[in-house]
Amino acid sequence: MTKSSLAQRIEELKREKNAVILAHYYTTAEVQAVADFLGDSLALSVKARDIDAPIILFAGVNFMAETAKVLSPDKKVLLPVPEAGCSLAESCDAEAFAAFKAKYPDHKVVSYVNTSVGVKALTDVCCTSSNALQVVNSIPADQPIIFAPDRNLGSYIQKLTGRDNMVLWDGACTVHEEFSLEKILKLKEEHPAAKIVVHPECKAYIVKVADYVGSTAGILEYCGQSDADEFIVVTEAGILAEMRKRYPEKRFIPAPPEDSTCACNECRYMKMVTLENILACLENESPEVKLDEDVRRAAERSIQNMVAIK
């Protein structure tokens, strides 16, 4: 089947089954094109909970679909490629994290949403890259914290808050660790008016040269509000499709990785989601995300604790 035929058949199945497709910004442009809603992981999971549809297909990686199921236990949540993982989530195994947590019994656990449902179940309050500072600041200054799993985001928040009572789990996203400072600075020389926008999962020396640091949604908003016409984008390259769609009059330059022989500024897991496996998933209503109910409830509590923070 051609790409257009695949997309047409997907649209037909969505109508027949009253199904909704949620796609993350880091998926390919053709996958984003068949989505009903586009966004970052938690925003899409909240959307899954709030929309009136019995079937949710999550075009993304496995922790995202798990989070959607946590918030929508009565809906059928489909994941086209269950083996599409996340290097950051996989850097924090739930069993190993439980042992780590046991070493710090008096610490509150703050976990980034990019974690497995098992880690969320061990967490007091979840956070996102956009609200991590707010979440940490909501905890009394004298209360020790475990921050997991991203050491770069954790270090960034630690620096902003000045807290010396945060213990960081040693995890990271391989994509955001691969950007080259030297190449970013060279791009800045070539485009002196360009603003550098950086995701806080990047290393500290990359964050230091940024004009703006924020989540994918935050970066999109900043680029729209900024008077600048050019941006050097230091996050996963999939976001470029939405940037160019929203702001066609502006120029977006992807930051290169350290290794120029690889596509290391792209998440290989996100690119595993294709029109072909979305179609098969809708046709078969499988693979479906299923969670242990006790684990799901514990994970849900950590997300609700985050939402309750004003």
Protein backbone atom coordinates (compact mmCIF):
# COMPACT_ATOMS: atom_id res chain seq x y z
CA MET A 1 0.00 0.00 0.00
CA THR A 2 1.11 3.56 -0.67
CA LYS A 3 1.52 6.01 2.21
CA SER A 4 -1.67 7.82 1.17
CA SER A 5 -3.60 4.52 1.01
CA LEU A 6 -2.33 3.56 4.46
CA ALA A 7 -3.34 6.93 5.88
CA GLN A 8 -6.79 6.68 4.27
CA ARG A 9 -7.39 3.19 5.68
CA ILE A 10 -6.27 4.34 9.14
CA GLU A 11 -8.80 7.18 9.00
CA GLU A 12 -11.55 4.71 8.00
CA LEU A 13 -10.72 2.41 10.92
CA LYS A 14 -10.67 5.29 13.38
CA ARG A 15 -14.23 6.18 12.36
CA GLU A 16 -15.44 2.56 12.39
CA LYS A 17 -14.02 1.81 15.83
CA ASN A 18 -14.41 5.27 17.39
CA ALA A 19 -10.67 5.17 18.02
CA VAL A 20 -8.33 8.09 18.65
CA ILE A 21 -4.63 8.28 17.78
CA LEU A 22 -2.28 10.21 20.05
CA ALA A 23 1.20 10.92 18.66
CA HIS A 24 4.27 12.31 20.35
CA TYR A 25 6.18 15.20 18.81
CA TYR A 26 9.19 12.91 18.24
CA THR A 27 7.44 10.51 15.88
CA THR A 28 7.85 10.89 12.11
CA ALA A 29 5.94 13.55 10.18
CA GLU A 30 3.76 10.93 8.43
CA VAL A 31 2.75 9.43 11.79
CA GLN A 32 2.01 12.88 13.18
CA ALA A 33 -0.20 13.52 10.14
CA VAL A 34 -2.66 10.69 11.05
CA ALA A 35 -2.85 11.67 14.72
CA ASP A 36 -5.93 13.25 16.24
CA PHE A 37 -3.83 14.88 18.93
CA LEU A 38 -0.14 15.75 19.01
CA GLY A 39 1.80 16.59 22.14
CA ASP A 40 4.28 15.52 24.79
CA SER A 41 3.80 12.40 26.86
CA LEU A 42 1.84 13.53 29.92
CA ALA A 43 -0.36 16.01 28.04
CA LEU A 44 -1.37 13.21 25.67
CA SER A 45 -2.13 10.84 28.56
CA VAL A 46 -4.38 13.48 30.13
CA LYS A 47 -6.04 13.92 26.74
CA ALA A 48 -6.60 10.13 26.59
CA ARG A 49 -8.37 10.31 29.94
CA ASP A 50 -10.58 13.22 28.97
CA ILE A 51 -11.72 12.32 25.45
CA ASP A 52 -14.83 10.27 24.80
CA ALA A 53 -13.39 7.31 22.90
CA PRO A 54 -13.19 3.64 23.93
CA ILE A 55 -9.96 2.93 22.02
CA ILE A 56 -6.76 4.94 22.34
CA LEU A 57 -3.80 4.18 20.09
CA PHE A 58 -0.62 5.74 21.42
CA ALA A 59 1.94 6.43 18.71
CA GLY A 60 4.95 6.68 20.96
CA VAL A 61 7.05 4.55 23.30
CA ASN A 62 5.93 2.08 25.93
CA PHE A 63 6.10 4.23 29.10
CA MET A 64 3.79 6.76 27.41
CA ALA A 65 1.13 4.16 26.63
CA GLU A 66 1.48 2.82 30.18
CA THR A 67 0.85 6.32 31.55
CA ALA A 68 -2.24 6.65 29.36
CA LYS A 69 -3.53 3.34 30.74
CA VAL A 70 -2.79 4.45 34.31
CA LEU A 71 -5.08 7.43 33.79
CA SER A 72 -7.65 5.59 31.64
CA PRO A 73 -8.06 2.11 33.15
CA ASP A 74 -11.45 1.52 31.50
CA LYS A 75 -10.26 2.30 27.99
CA LYS A 76 -8.48 -0.02 25.58
CA VAL A 77 -5.00 1.45 25.12
CA LEU A 78 -3.07 0.17 22.11
CA LEU A 79 0.66 0.40 21.46
CA PRO A 80 1.75 -0.43 17.89
CA VAL A 81 5.32 -1.39 18.86
CA PRO A 82 5.61 -2.71 22.45
CA GLU A 83 9.38 -3.08 22.04
CA ALA A 84 9.66 0.67 21.40
CA GLY A 85 11.30 1.58 24.67
CA CYS A 86 12.97 4.69 26.05
CA SER A 87 16.66 4.90 26.93
CA LEU A 88 15.88 7.15 29.90
CA ALA A 89 13.11 4.94 31.30
CA GLU A 90 15.27 1.86 30.74
CA SER A 91 18.12 3.46 32.70
CA CYS A 92 15.95 3.11 35.83
CA ASP A 93 14.82 -0.46 36.43
CA ALA A 94 12.01 -0.68 38.99
CA GLU A 95 13.63 -3.44 41.05
CA ALA A 96 16.98 -1.62 41.18
CA PHE A 97 15.20 1.62 42.01
CA ALA A 98 13.33 -0.02 44.89
CA ALA A 99 16.68 -1.10 46.36
CA PHE A 100 18.08 2.42 45.86
CA LYS A 101 15.04 3.98 47.51
CA ALA A 102 15.41 1.66 50.51
CA LYS A 103 18.79 3.27 51.26
CA TYR A 104 17.09 6.64 51.79
CA PRO A 105 13.95 5.88 53.85
CA ASP A 106 13.45 9.50 54.92
CA HIS A 107 13.54 10.88 51.36
CA LYS A 108 10.55 11.86 49.22
CA VAL A 109 10.71 10.47 45.70
CA VAL A 110 10.20 12.79 42.73
CA SER A 111 10.25 10.94 39.42
CA TYR A 112 10.18 12.33 35.92
CA VAL A 113 7.22 11.07 33.89
CA ASN A 114 9.70 9.29 31.57
CA THR A 115 9.69 6.19 33.76
CA SER A 116 8.04 2.79 33.78
CA VAL A 117 4.79 2.24 35.63
CA GLY A 118 6.80 0.24 38.18
CA VAL A 119 8.98 3.24 39.04
CA LYS A 120 5.96 5.55 39.16
CA ALA A 121 4.42 3.17 41.69
CA LEU A 122 7.48 3.75 43.93
CA THR A 123 7.20 7.52 43.54
CA ASP A 124 5.62 10.11 45.83
CA VAL A 125 5.08 12.69 43.12
CA CYS A 126 5.74 12.69 39.38
CA CYS A 127 7.01 15.67 37.42
CA THR A 128 7.52 16.76 33.84
CA SER A 129 10.34 18.83 32.36
CA SER A 130 8.00 21.83 32.42
CA ASN A 131 6.91 21.55 36.06
CA ALA A 132 9.89 19.84 37.74
CA LEU A 133 10.97 23.10 39.39
CA GLN A 134 7.44 23.74 40.67
CA VAL A 135 7.16 20.18 42.02
CA VAL A 136 10.51 20.32 43.85
CA ASN A 137 9.72 23.78 45.25
CA SER A 138 6.42 22.45 46.61
CA ILE A 139 8.37 20.16 48.95
CA PRO A 140 9.67 21.75 52.18
CA ALA A 141 13.30 22.83 51.85
CA ASP A 142 14.39 20.63 54.76
CA GLN A 143 12.79 17.50 53.27
CA PRO A 144 15.40 15.33 51.49
CA ILE A 145 14.50 14.23 47.97
CA ILE A 146 15.38 11.40 45.61
CA PHE A 147 15.13 12.66 42.03
CA ALA A 148 14.88 10.09 39.26
CA PRO A 149 15.76 9.07 36.66
CA ASP A 150 17.42 11.89 34.70
CA ARG A 151 20.65 13.15 36.24
CA ASN A 152 20.79 16.13 33.87
CA LEU A 153 17.28 17.38 34.63
CA GLY A 154 17.91 16.67 38.32
CA SER A 155 21.17 18.63 38.31
CA TYR A 156 19.48 21.52 36.51
CA ILE A 157 16.69 21.66 39.11
CA GLN A 158 19.21 21.30 41.92
CA LYS A 159 21.13 24.30 40.58
CA LEU A 160 17.96 26.41 40.22
CA THR A 161 16.76 25.62 43.75
CA GLY A 162 20.13 25.54 45.51
CA ARG A 163 19.04 22.39 47.36
CA ASP A 164 21.86 20.29 48.78
CA ASN A 165 19.54 17.52 49.99
CA MET A 166 18.69 15.98 46.59
CA VAL A 167 19.99 12.52 45.72
CA LEU A 168 20.03 11.89 41.96
CA TRP A 169 19.49 8.58 40.23
CA ASP A 170 22.21 8.18 37.58
CA GLY A 171 20.12 7.91 34.41
CA ALA A 172 19.99 9.81 31.13
CA CYS A 173 18.43 10.01 27.67
CA THR A 174 20.96 8.90 25.07
CA VAL A 175 19.61 11.35 22.48
CA HIS A 176 19.94 14.42 24.70
CA GLU A 177 23.39 13.33 25.89
CA GLU A 178 24.78 13.22 22.35
CA PHE A 179 24.69 16.88 21.32
CA SER A 180 28.00 18.54 20.53
CA LEU A 181 28.77 21.86 22.22
CA GLU A 182 31.46 22.63 19.66
CA LYS A 183 29.06 22.14 16.75
CA ILE A 184 26.30 24.15 18.44
CA LEU A 185 28.69 27.06 18.97
CA LYS A 186 29.81 26.80 15.33
CA LEU A 187 26.18 27.00 14.23
CA LYS A 188 25.78 30.06 16.44
CA GLU A 189 28.76 31.70 14.69
CA GLU A 190 27.12 30.98 11.32
CA HIS A 191 23.72 32.20 12.54
CA PRO A 192 24.48 34.90 15.14
CA ALA A 193 20.86 36.07 15.40
CA ALA A 194 19.56 32.55 16.06
CA LYS A 195 18.24 31.66 19.50
CA ILE A 196 19.47 28.40 21.04
CA VAL A 197 16.60 26.39 22.54
CA VAL A 198 17.52 23.44 24.74
CA HIS A 199 15.72 20.62 26.52
CA PRO A 200 16.83 20.26 30.18
CA GLU A 201 17.68 16.58 29.63
CA CYS A 202 20.86 17.86 27.94
CA LYS A 203 24.19 18.08 29.75
CA ALA A 204 24.89 21.15 31.89
CA TYR A 205 27.45 22.65 29.50
CA ILE A 206 24.83 22.56 26.71
CA VAL A 207 22.13 24.08 28.93
CA LYS A 208 24.56 26.86 29.89
CA VAL A 209 24.67 28.29 26.33
CA ALA A 210 20.88 28.23 25.84
CA ASP A 211 18.70 31.27 25.29
CA TYR A 212 15.75 29.19 26.45
CA VAL A 213 15.57 25.92 28.41
CA GLY A 214 12.30 24.02 28.55
CA SER A 215 10.08 21.10 27.65
CA THR A 216 9.08 20.30 24.08
CA ALA A 217 5.81 22.18 24.57
CA GLY A 218 7.68 25.06 26.20
CA ILE A 219 10.18 25.25 23.35
CA LEU A 220 7.36 25.35 20.80
CA GLU A 221 5.65 28.17 22.67
CA TYR A 222 8.88 30.14 23.07
CA CYS A 223 9.67 29.92 19.36
CA GLY A 224 6.23 31.26 18.54
CA GLN A 225 6.47 34.18 20.97
CA SER A 226 10.08 35.12 20.20
CA ASP A 227 10.88 37.92 17.77
CA ALA A 228 13.75 35.81 16.41
CA ASP A 229 13.50 34.31 12.94
CA GLU A 230 16.04 31.51 13.43
CA PHE A 231 16.43 28.87 16.13
CA ILE A 232 19.07 26.25 16.84
CA VAL A 233 17.04 23.35 18.21
CA VAL A 234 18.77 21.17 20.79
CA THR A 235 16.32 18.35 21.33
CA GLU A 236 15.03 15.35 19.40
CA ALA A 237 14.71 16.26 15.73
CA GLY A 238 11.11 15.04 15.40
CA ILE A 239 9.93 18.31 16.91
CA LEU A 240 11.05 20.13 13.75
CA ALA A 241 7.97 18.95 11.82
CA GLU A 242 5.59 20.66 14.23
CA MET A 243 7.81 23.75 14.47
CA ARG A 244 7.81 24.22 10.70
CA LYS A 245 4.09 23.55 10.52
CA ARG A 246 3.25 26.14 13.18
CA TYR A 247 5.78 28.77 12.18
CA PRO A 248 6.52 28.40 8.45
CA GLU A 249 8.02 31.88 8.28
CA LYS A 250 10.78 30.92 10.74
CA ARG A 251 13.87 28.77 10.28
CA PHE A 252 14.69 25.86 12.58
CA ILE A 253 18.17 24.37 12.54
CA PRO A 254 18.66 20.96 14.21
CA ALA A 255 21.67 20.77 16.50
CA PRO A 256 24.06 18.03 15.37
CA PRO A 257 25.22 15.16 17.58
CA GLU A 258 28.85 14.55 18.53
CA ASP A 259 29.05 11.65 16.04
CA SER A 260 28.26 12.99 12.57
CA THR A 261 28.01 9.45 11.14
CA CYS A 262 24.84 8.63 13.08
CA ALA A 263 21.34 10.05 13.45
CA CYS A 264 21.94 10.37 17.18
CA ASN A 265 19.73 13.45 17.48
CA GLU A 266 16.77 11.19 16.65
CA CYS A 267 15.12 8.69 19.00
CA ARG A 268 15.31 5.35 17.21
CA TYR A 269 12.45 4.03 19.36
CA MET A 270 10.06 6.78 18.25
CA LYS A 271 10.96 6.11 14.63
CA MET A 272 9.90 2.47 15.06
CA VAL A 273 6.27 3.62 14.91
CA THR A 274 5.09 3.54 11.28
CA LEU A 275 1.87 3.82 9.34
CA GLU A 276 2.08 0.08 8.65
CA ASN A 277 2.18 -0.97 12.30
CA ILE A 278 -0.43 1.63 13.28
CA LEU A 279 -2.79 0.12 10.69
CA ALA A 280 -2.14 -3.44 11.89
CA CYS A 281 -2.64 -2.36 15.49
CA LEU A 282 -6.00 -0.77 14.71
CA GLU A 283 -7.16 -3.71 12.61
CA ASN A 284 -6.33 -6.26 15.32
CA GLU A 285 -6.90 -3.98 18.35
CA SER A 286 -3.60 -5.38 19.56
CA PRO A 287 -1.05 -5.15 21.14
CA GLU A 288 -2.99 -3.81 24.12
CA VAL A 289 -1.45 -2.34 27.28
CA LYS A 290 -2.41 -4.27 30.41
CA LEU A 291 -1.29 -3.34 33.93
CA ASP A 292 -1.44 -4.93 37.37
CA GLU A 293 -4.20 -3.01 39.17
CA ASP A 294 -2.26 -2.48 42.42
CA VAL A 295 0.72 -1.10 40.50
CA ARG A 296 -1.57 1.04 38.36
CA ARG A 297 -3.25 2.58 41.41
CA ALA A 298 0.09 3.35 43.07
CA ALA A 299 1.37 4.96 39.86
CA GLU A 300 -1.84 6.95 39.49
CA ARG A 301 -1.41 8.36 43.00
CA SER A 302 2.02 9.79 42.09
CA ILE A 303 0.54 11.54 39.03
CA GLN A 304 -2.45 12.85 41.00
CA ASN A 305 -0.07 14.24 43.63
CA MET A 306 1.65 16.20 40.86
CA VAL A 307 -1.63 17.50 39.42
CA ALA A 308 -2.71 18.65 42.89
CA ILE A 309 0.26 21.03 43.19
CA LYS A 310 -0.85 24.62 42.60
